[in-house]
Amino acid sequence: MPAEQPTIVATSGGFRAGHRTNLEFHRLVHHAVDLSGVHGRAPRLCHVGTANGDQRWFNADVSEAGRLVGWEVSHLNLFTMPPTADLAGFVREHDVVWVGGGSVANLLAVWEVHGLGPVLRDAWRDGVVLGGVSAGSICWYLGGSTDSFGPDLRVVTNGLGFLPYGNGVHYDSEPMRRPTIHAAVAAGTLPVTHCTDDGAGLVYRGTELVEAVSERPTGGAYLVRRDEASGIAQEETLDTRRL
C-alpha cells in the first residue's frame, strides 16, 4: 500500500559497509521503507544511480544489500538508455525510490532530458516514498551546495523543488559545506535551508518537515535562515531522533 501522505526522506546517509558484503542498507533506508507502509510482501525499492553514472558494479552491491534483507531491488538506469518507454509505470511499481550520491548537476541535467522530474512528482503524490543521499537529497529541493563542478563548492538552484527549501549535506564532514550554505542563504541565493550531518536525515510529509532522524549516535540536522534585519544567516539546531 502507498504511504499515507507524500513522503520524502532526504539524507546524508543510508548505506554502510557490510560484514560479508561491500554494502548494506543502513537505518535511514530501512526507515524510508517503514514509512511506505508496505506489509505482507517483500518491499520493492527502486535505486537510481544517475549521479554516479549508473555504474553497474555499484548496482550489483545495492542488489546484494537488498537480498540480505529480503527486498526486491530494481535499478532505474538512464545510461545508456532507460529500461523502458514507460518510466511512470516503472517507478509506480515500487514502494520507495532511493537516489544515490554523486554529481547533482549531472543528475538534474540527465533527468531533465528524460522527463523524469514529473514522473517522480506524480509518484510522490501517489504515495511512493522518495529518498536519497547527498545528490539524492539535494535533488528534491530548490537547490544546495555541491562539488559537481570541482573541489570548490558551488550552489545549484535548479533542483526539482518538490520541497521549497535549500538543502545542505555532509554538514559536519566537509569543512566548506557550512560556510557555503551560510553565504548562499545570506545572499538570498538559497531560501531557508535544511541541512544534515553525515548519518542524519529529514522526513517530510508533503512539504512539511516533520522529523529529523539519525542512523548514528552522533550527527544532527539544522535550519539556516536569513535574518532580514542584519542580512546574516542564522542557524538553528533541530531535535534529532536516533533510529
C-alpha atoms as a PDB file:
ATOM      1  CA  MET A   1       0.000   0.000   0.000  1.00  0.00           C
ATOM      2  CA  PRO A   2       1.237   3.554  -0.608  1.00  0.00           C
ATOM      3  CA  ALA A   3       2.431   5.922   2.092  1.00  0.00           C
ATOM      4  CA  GLU A   4      -0.395   7.754   3.873  1.00  0.00           C
ATOM      5  CA  GLN A   5       0.897  11.134   2.667  1.00  0.00           C
ATOM      6  CA  PRO A   6       3.506  12.234   0.099  1.00  0.00           C
ATOM      7  CA  THR A   7       6.780  11.433   1.859  1.00  0.00           C
ATOM      8  CA  ILE A   8      10.428  12.348   1.281  1.00  0.00           C
ATOM      9  CA  VAL A   9      13.423  11.158   3.321  1.00  0.00           C
ATOM     10  CA  ALA A  10      16.381  13.417   2.433  1.00  0.00           C
ATOM     11  CA  THR A  11      19.682  12.324   3.953  1.00  0.00           C
ATOM     12  CA  SER A  12      23.434  12.316   4.263  1.00  0.00           C
ATOM     13  CA  GLY A  13      23.460   8.570   4.853  1.00  0.00           C
ATOM     14  CA  GLY A  14      21.643   5.319   4.207  1.00  0.00           C
ATOM     15  CA  PHE A  15      24.456   2.931   3.237  1.00  0.00           C
ATOM     16  CA  ARG A  16      27.196   1.297   5.275  1.00  0.00           C
ATOM     17  CA  ALA A  17      29.968  -1.220   4.690  1.00  0.00           C
ATOM     18  CA  GLY A  18      28.744  -4.790   5.036  1.00  0.00           C
ATOM     19  CA  HIS A  19      30.145  -7.531   7.260  1.00  0.00           C
ATOM     20  CA  ARG A  20      30.418 -10.042   4.410  1.00  0.00           C
ATOM     21  CA  THR A  21      29.372  -7.802   1.533  1.00  0.00           C
ATOM     22  CA  ASN A  22      30.543  -4.473   0.157  1.00  0.00           C
ATOM     23  CA  LEU A  23      27.337  -2.700   1.127  1.00  0.00           C
ATOM     24  CA  GLU A  24      24.372  -2.899   3.469  1.00  0.00           C
ATOM     25  CA  PHE A  25      21.306  -0.713   3.849  1.00  0.00           C
ATOM     26  CA  HIS A  26      21.631   1.366   6.998  1.00  0.00           C
ATOM     27  CA  ARG A  27      18.779   2.566   9.219  1.00  0.00           C
ATOM     28  CA  LEU A  28      17.741   5.548   7.079  1.00  0.00           C
ATOM     29  CA  VAL A  29      16.849   3.330   4.114  1.00  0.00           C
ATOM     30  CA  HIS A  30      15.000   0.955   6.450  1.00  0.00           C
ATOM     31  CA  HIS A  31      13.113   3.958   7.836  1.00  0.00           C
ATOM     32  CA  ALA A  32      12.074   5.019   4.334  1.00  0.00           C
ATOM     33  CA  VAL A  33      10.733   1.507   3.701  1.00  0.00           C
ATOM     34  CA  ASP A  34       8.871   1.561   7.020  1.00  0.00           C
ATOM     35  CA  LEU A  35       7.262   4.884   6.071  1.00  0.00           C
ATOM     36  CA  SER A  36       5.998   3.384   2.809  1.00  0.00           C
ATOM     37  CA  GLY A  37       3.565   1.261   4.806  1.00  0.00           C
ATOM     38  CA  VAL A  38       4.311  -1.938   2.890  1.00  0.00           C
ATOM     39  CA  HIS A  39       3.367  -5.167   4.631  1.00  0.00           C
ATOM     40  CA  GLY A  40       2.516  -8.735   3.692  1.00  0.00           C
ATOM     41  CA  ARG A  41       5.110  -8.922   0.912  1.00  0.00           C
ATOM     42  CA  ALA A  42       8.703  -8.011   0.160  1.00  0.00           C
ATOM     43  CA  PRO A  43       9.278  -4.244  -0.131  1.00  0.00           C
ATOM     44  CA  ARG A  44      10.127  -3.011  -3.616  1.00  0.00           C
ATOM     45  CA  LEU A  45      12.930  -0.451  -3.803  1.00  0.00           C
ATOM     46  CA  CYS A  46      13.960   1.411  -6.949  1.00  0.00           C
ATOM     47  CA  HIS A  47      17.588   2.519  -6.834  1.00  0.00           C
ATOM     48  CA  VAL A  48      18.523   5.460  -9.071  1.00  0.00           C
ATOM     49  CA  GLY A  49      22.251   5.818  -9.679  1.00  0.00           C
ATOM     50  CA  THR A  50      22.235   8.643 -12.231  1.00  0.00           C
ATOM     51  CA  ALA A  51      24.515  10.856 -10.124  1.00  0.00           C
ATOM     52  CA  ASN A  52      27.368   8.322 -10.353  1.00  0.00           C
ATOM     53  CA  GLY A  53      26.765   7.403 -13.980  1.00  0.00           C
ATOM     54  CA  ASP A  54      24.718   4.234 -13.341  1.00  0.00           C
ATOM     55  CA  GLN A  55      27.819   2.215 -12.503  1.00  0.00           C
ATOM     56  CA  ARG A  56      26.882  -1.436 -12.816  1.00  0.00           C
ATOM     57  CA  TRP A  57      29.300  -2.595 -10.113  1.00  0.00           C
ATOM     58  CA  PHE A  58      27.573  -0.318  -7.599  1.00  0.00           C
ATOM     59  CA  ASN A  59      24.160  -1.506  -8.772  1.00  0.00           C
ATOM     60  CA  ALA A  60      25.326  -5.033  -8.016  1.00  0.00           C
ATOM     61  CA  ASP A  61      26.300  -4.001  -4.483  1.00  0.00           C
ATOM     62  CA  VAL A  62      22.867  -2.413  -3.942  1.00  0.00           C
ATOM     63  CA  SER A  63      21.123  -5.514  -5.281  1.00  0.00           C
ATOM     64  CA  GLU A  64      23.162  -7.678  -2.908  1.00  0.00           C
ATOM     65  CA  ALA A  65      22.186  -5.406   0.003  1.00  0.00           C
ATOM     66  CA  GLY A  66      18.571  -5.958  -0.988  1.00  0.00           C
ATOM     67  CA  ARG A  67      18.947  -9.729  -0.987  1.00  0.00           C
ATOM     68  CA  LEU A  68      20.384  -9.600   2.540  1.00  0.00           C
ATOM     69  CA  VAL A  69      17.180  -8.037   3.885  1.00  0.00           C
ATOM     70  CA  GLY A  70      14.716  -9.775   1.576  1.00  0.00           C
ATOM     71  CA  TRP A  71      13.741  -6.761  -0.533  1.00  0.00           C
ATOM     72  CA  GLU A  72      13.140  -6.620  -4.267  1.00  0.00           C
ATOM     73  CA  VAL A  73      15.599  -4.082  -5.732  1.00  0.00           C
ATOM     74  CA  SER A  74      15.399  -2.658  -9.238  1.00  0.00           C
ATOM     75  CA  HIS A  75      17.613  -0.069 -10.916  1.00  0.00           C
ATOM     76  CA  LEU A  76      16.411   2.869 -12.972  1.00  0.00           C
ATOM     77  CA  ASN A  77      19.445   3.185 -15.239  1.00  0.00           C
ATOM     78  CA  LEU A  78      19.424   6.041 -17.739  1.00  0.00           C
ATOM     79  CA  PHE A  79      22.849   5.182 -19.220  1.00  0.00           C
ATOM     80  CA  THR A  80      22.916   4.215 -21.973  1.00  0.00           C
ATOM     81  CA  MET A  81      19.142   4.263 -22.244  1.00  0.00           C
ATOM     82  CA  PRO A  82      16.146   3.958 -19.884  1.00  0.00           C
ATOM     83  CA  PRO A  83      14.980   0.421 -19.064  1.00  0.00           C
ATOM     84  CA  THR A  84      11.505   1.060 -20.520  1.00  0.00           C
ATOM     85  CA  ALA A  85       9.467   3.569 -22.509  1.00  0.00           C
ATOM     86  CA  ASP A  86       7.034   3.683 -19.583  1.00  0.00           C
ATOM     87  CA  LEU A  87       9.095   5.339 -16.848  1.00  0.00           C
ATOM     88  CA  ALA A  88       5.958   6.323 -14.931  1.00  0.00           C
ATOM     89  CA  GLY A  89       4.796   2.722 -14.776  1.00  0.00           C
ATOM     90  CA  PHE A  90       8.266   1.510 -13.811  1.00  0.00           C
ATOM     91  CA  VAL A  91       8.536   3.936 -10.872  1.00  0.00           C
ATOM     92  CA  ARG A  92       4.993   3.254  -9.636  1.00  0.00           C
ATOM     93  CA  GLU A  93       5.756  -0.457  -9.264  1.00  0.00           C
ATOM     94  CA  HIS A  94       7.918   0.403  -6.238  1.00  0.00           C
ATOM     95  CA  ASP A  95       7.341   1.395  -2.631  1.00  0.00           C
ATOM     96  CA  VAL A  96      10.490   3.504  -2.303  1.00  0.00           C
ATOM     97  CA  VAL A  97      12.727   5.345  -4.762  1.00  0.00           C
ATOM     98  CA  TRP A  98      16.238   5.792  -3.344  1.00  0.00           C
ATOM     99  CA  VAL A  99      18.606   8.111  -5.221  1.00  0.00           C
ATOM    100  CA  GLY A 100      22.331   7.667  -4.737  1.00  0.00           C
ATOM    101  CA  GLY A 101      25.068  10.269  -4.425  1.00  0.00           C
ATOM    102  CA  GLY A 102      27.472  11.764  -6.924  1.00  0.00           C
ATOM    103  CA  SER A 103      27.022  14.774  -9.185  1.00  0.00           C
ATOM    104  CA  VAL A 104      23.698  16.511  -8.574  1.00  0.00           C
ATOM    105  CA  ALA A 105      24.340  18.863 -11.514  1.00  0.00           C
ATOM    106  CA  ASN A 106      24.697  15.940 -13.916  1.00  0.00           C
ATOM    107  CA  LEU A 107      21.762  14.128 -12.315  1.00  0.00           C
ATOM    108  CA  LEU A 108      19.438  17.095 -12.842  1.00  0.00           C
ATOM    109  CA  ALA A 109      20.563  17.553 -16.443  1.00  0.00           C
ATOM    110  CA  VAL A 110      20.014  13.897 -17.340  1.00  0.00           C
ATOM    111  CA  TRP A 111      16.664  13.758 -15.557  1.00  0.00           C
ATOM    112  CA  GLU A 112      15.554  16.841 -17.499  1.00  0.00           C
ATOM    113  CA  VAL A 113      16.413  15.183 -20.809  1.00  0.00           C
ATOM    114  CA  HIS A 114      14.347  12.107 -19.921  1.00  0.00           C
ATOM    115  CA  GLY A 115      11.433  13.951 -18.297  1.00  0.00           C
ATOM    116  CA  LEU A 116      11.940  12.124 -15.007  1.00  0.00           C
ATOM    117  CA  GLY A 117      11.023  15.064 -12.769  1.00  0.00           C
ATOM    118  CA  PRO A 118       7.267  14.988 -13.495  1.00  0.00           C
ATOM    119  CA  VAL A 119       7.297  11.182 -13.244  1.00  0.00           C
ATOM    120  CA  LEU A 120       8.788  11.356  -9.761  1.00  0.00           C
ATOM    121  CA  ARG A 121       6.445  14.157  -8.686  1.00  0.00           C
ATOM    122  CA  ASP A 122       3.377  12.133  -9.672  1.00  0.00           C
ATOM    123  CA  ALA A 123       4.726   9.016  -7.927  1.00  0.00           C
ATOM    124  CA  TRP A 124       5.434  11.040  -4.769  1.00  0.00           C
ATOM    125  CA  ARG A 125       1.902  12.432  -4.763  1.00  0.00           C
ATOM    126  CA  ASP A 126       0.547   8.906  -5.186  1.00  0.00           C
ATOM    127  CA  GLY A 127       2.401   7.512  -2.171  1.00  0.00           C
ATOM    128  CA  VAL A 128       5.758   6.257  -3.434  1.00  0.00           C
ATOM    129  CA  VAL A 129       8.310   7.329  -0.807  1.00  0.00           C
ATOM    130  CA  LEU A 130      11.177   9.335  -2.300  1.00  0.00           C
ATOM    131  CA  GLY A 131      14.579   9.371  -0.632  1.00  0.00           C
ATOM    132  CA  GLY A 132      18.277   9.533  -1.167  1.00  0.00           C
ATOM    133  CA  VAL A 133      21.717  10.572  -0.039  1.00  0.00           C
ATOM    134  CA  SER A 134      23.797  13.654  -0.906  1.00  0.00           C
ATOM    135  CA  ALA A 135      22.944  14.412  -4.566  1.00  0.00           C
ATOM    136  CA  GLY A 136      19.935  12.167  -3.943  1.00  0.00           C
ATOM    137  CA  SER A 137      18.925  14.560  -1.177  1.00  0.00           C
ATOM    138  CA  ILE A 138      19.615  17.926  -2.836  1.00  0.00           C
ATOM    139  CA  CYS A 139      17.611  16.995  -5.947  1.00  0.00           C
ATOM    140  CA  TRP A 140      14.254  17.171  -4.115  1.00  0.00           C
ATOM    141  CA  TYR A 141      14.822  20.792  -3.018  1.00  0.00           C
ATOM    142  CA  LEU A 142      15.201  24.106  -4.834  1.00  0.00           C
ATOM    143  CA  GLY A 143      18.977  23.717  -4.632  1.00  0.00           C
ATOM    144  CA  GLY A 144      22.020  23.371  -2.435  1.00  0.00           C
ATOM    145  CA  SER A 145      25.808  23.265  -2.281  1.00  0.00           C
ATOM    146  CA  THR A 146      27.666  20.800  -4.492  1.00  0.00           C
ATOM    147  CA  ASP A 147      31.114  19.704  -5.607  1.00  0.00           C
ATOM    148  CA  SER A 148      29.690  18.721  -9.016  1.00  0.00           C
ATOM    149  CA  PHE A 149      31.920  21.291 -10.751  1.00  0.00           C
ATOM    150  CA  GLY A 150      35.130  20.739  -8.806  1.00  0.00           C
ATOM    151  CA  PRO A 151      36.561  20.770  -5.280  1.00  0.00           C
ATOM    152  CA  ASP A 152      35.475  24.384  -4.709  1.00  0.00           C
ATOM    153  CA  LEU A 153      31.813  24.175  -3.772  1.00  0.00           C
ATOM    154  CA  ARG A 154      29.199  25.935  -5.856  1.00  0.00           C
ATOM    155  CA  VAL A 155      25.476  26.377  -5.380  1.00  0.00           C
ATOM    156  CA  VAL A 156      22.872  24.904  -7.724  1.00  0.00           C
ATOM    157  CA  THR A 157      19.388  26.400  -7.823  1.00  0.00           C
ATOM    158  CA  ASN A 158      17.659  24.206 -10.417  1.00  0.00           C
ATOM    159  CA  GLY A 159      16.533  21.367  -8.153  1.00  0.00           C
ATOM    160  CA  LEU A 160      13.161  19.709  -8.690  1.00  0.00           C
ATOM    161  CA  GLY A 161      11.630  21.923  -5.999  1.00  0.00           C
ATOM    162  CA  PHE A 162       9.271  19.356  -4.528  1.00  0.00           C
ATOM    163  CA  LEU A 163      10.463  20.815  -1.208  1.00  0.00           C
ATOM    164  CA  PRO A 164      10.508  24.653  -1.236  1.00  0.00           C
ATOM    165  CA  TYR A 165      13.788  24.976   0.664  1.00  0.00           C
ATOM    166  CA  GLY A 166      17.530  24.783   0.122  1.00  0.00           C
ATOM    167  CA  ASN A 167      19.479  21.730   1.241  1.00  0.00           C
ATOM    168  CA  GLY A 168      22.916  21.233   2.758  1.00  0.00           C
ATOM    169  CA  VAL A 169      24.520  17.786   3.017  1.00  0.00           C
ATOM    170  CA  HIS A 170      27.656  16.383   4.708  1.00  0.00           C
ATOM    171  CA  TYR A 171      27.448  19.340   7.028  1.00  0.00           C
ATOM    172  CA  ASP A 172      29.876  18.015   9.640  1.00  0.00           C
ATOM    173  CA  SER A 173      32.348  16.074   7.498  1.00  0.00           C
ATOM    174  CA  GLU A 174      33.305  18.596   4.796  1.00  0.00           C
ATOM    175  CA  PRO A 175      34.548  21.893   6.238  1.00  0.00           C
ATOM    176  CA  MET A 176      33.319  24.192   3.458  1.00  0.00           C
ATOM    177  CA  ARG A 177      29.721  22.928   3.456  1.00  0.00           C
ATOM    178  CA  ARG A 178      28.541  25.111   6.362  1.00  0.00           C
ATOM    179  CA  PRO A 179      30.124  28.426   5.216  1.00  0.00           C
ATOM    180  CA  THR A 180      28.930  27.867   1.650  1.00  0.00           C
ATOM    181  CA  ILE A 181      25.351  27.373   2.812  1.00  0.00           C
ATOM    182  CA  HIS A 182      25.523  30.358   5.172  1.00  0.00           C
ATOM    183  CA  ALA A 183      26.840  32.609   2.380  1.00  0.00           C
ATOM    184  CA  ALA A 184      24.163  31.449  -0.065  1.00  0.00           C
ATOM    185  CA  VAL A 185      21.355  31.991   2.442  1.00  0.00           C
ATOM    186  CA  ALA A 186      22.691  35.403   3.485  1.00  0.00           C
ATOM    187  CA  ALA A 187      22.893  36.462  -0.162  1.00  0.00           C
ATOM    188  CA  GLY A 188      19.379  35.223  -0.911  1.00  0.00           C
ATOM    189  CA  THR A 189      20.679  32.666  -3.417  1.00  0.00           C
ATOM    190  CA  LEU A 190      19.029  29.957  -1.334  1.00  0.00           C
ATOM    191  CA  PRO A 191      15.881  30.335   0.770  1.00  0.00           C
ATOM    192  CA  VAL A 192      15.508  28.792   4.223  1.00  0.00           C
ATOM    193  CA  THR A 193      17.828  25.782   4.040  1.00  0.00           C
ATOM    194  CA  HIS A 194      17.634  22.407   5.784  1.00  0.00           C
ATOM    195  CA  CYS A 195      20.954  20.656   6.443  1.00  0.00           C
ATOM    196  CA  THR A 196      22.158  17.244   7.620  1.00  0.00           C
ATOM    197  CA  ASP A 197      25.336  15.886   9.157  1.00  0.00           C
ATOM    198  CA  ASP A 198      26.560  12.523   7.918  1.00  0.00           C
ATOM    199  CA  GLY A 199      24.160   9.802   9.041  1.00  0.00           C
ATOM    200  CA  ALA A 200      21.253  12.203   9.538  1.00  0.00           C
ATOM    201  CA  GLY A 201      18.049  12.542   7.554  1.00  0.00           C
ATOM    202  CA  LEU A 202      14.997  14.767   7.294  1.00  0.00           C
ATOM    203  CA  VAL A 203      11.473  13.369   6.936  1.00  0.00           C
ATOM    204  CA  TYR A 204       8.797  15.379   5.130  1.00  0.00           C
ATOM    205  CA  ARG A 205       5.062  14.800   4.845  1.00  0.00           C
ATOM    206  CA  GLY A 206       4.023  16.835   1.866  1.00  0.00           C
ATOM    207  CA  THR A 207       6.321  19.847   2.092  1.00  0.00           C
ATOM    208  CA  GLU A 208       6.302  19.976   5.901  1.00  0.00           C
ATOM    209  CA  LEU A 209       9.402  18.909   7.809  1.00  0.00           C
ATOM    210  CA  VAL A 210       8.081  16.545  10.471  1.00  0.00           C
ATOM    211  CA  GLU A 211      11.214  14.974  11.944  1.00  0.00           C
ATOM    212  CA  ALA A 212      14.998  14.855  11.917  1.00  0.00           C
ATOM    213  CA  VAL A 213      16.491  11.393  12.460  1.00  0.00           C
ATOM    214  CA  SER A 214      19.944   9.827  12.533  1.00  0.00           C
ATOM    215  CA  GLU A 215      21.236   6.315  11.979  1.00  0.00           C
ATOM    216  CA  ARG A 216      24.346   7.152  14.046  1.00  0.00           C
ATOM    217  CA  PRO A 217      24.886   8.039  17.720  1.00  0.00           C
ATOM    218  CA  THR A 218      26.150  11.417  16.525  1.00  0.00           C
ATOM    219  CA  GLY A 219      25.108  13.687  13.692  1.00  0.00           C
ATOM    220  CA  GLY A 220      22.367  16.260  13.659  1.00  0.00           C
ATOM    221  CA  ALA A 221      20.233  18.477  11.466  1.00  0.00           C
ATOM    222  CA  TYR A 222      19.962  22.227  11.126  1.00  0.00           C
ATOM    223  CA  LEU A 223      17.796  25.011   9.766  1.00  0.00           C
ATOM    224  CA  VAL A 224      19.539  28.053   8.271  1.00  0.00           C
ATOM    225  CA  ARG A 225      17.572  31.227   7.560  1.00  0.00           C
ATOM    226  CA  ARG A 226      18.417  34.816   6.684  1.00  0.00           C
ATOM    227  CA  ASP A 227      17.876  37.430   9.355  1.00  0.00           C
ATOM    228  CA  GLU A 228      16.318  40.252   7.345  1.00  0.00           C
ATOM    229  CA  ALA A 229      17.394  42.959   9.786  1.00  0.00           C
ATOM    230  CA  SER A 230      21.087  42.091   9.698  1.00  0.00           C
ATOM    231  CA  GLY A 231      21.347  40.200   6.400  1.00  0.00           C
ATOM    232  CA  ILE A 232      23.223  37.442   8.240  1.00  0.00           C
ATOM    233  CA  ALA A 233      22.439  33.730   8.056  1.00  0.00           C
ATOM    234  CA  GLN A 234      21.350  32.278  11.371  1.00  0.00           C
ATOM    235  CA  GLU A 235      21.473  28.576  12.217  1.00  0.00           C
ATOM    236  CA  GLU A 236      19.139  26.582  14.430  1.00  0.00           C
ATOM    237  CA  THR A 237      19.899  23.037  15.605  1.00  0.00           C
ATOM    238  CA  LEU A 238      16.933  20.692  15.223  1.00  0.00           C
ATOM    239  CA  ASP A 239      15.961  17.968  17.647  1.00  0.00           C
ATOM    240  CA  THR A 240      17.172  14.698  16.150  1.00  0.00           C
ATOM    241  CA  ARG A 241      15.825  11.266  16.981  1.00  0.00           C
ATOM    242  CA  ARG A 242      18.250   8.325  16.918  1.00  0.00           C
ATOM    243  CA  LEU A 243      16.937   5.426  14.885  1.00  0.00           C
END
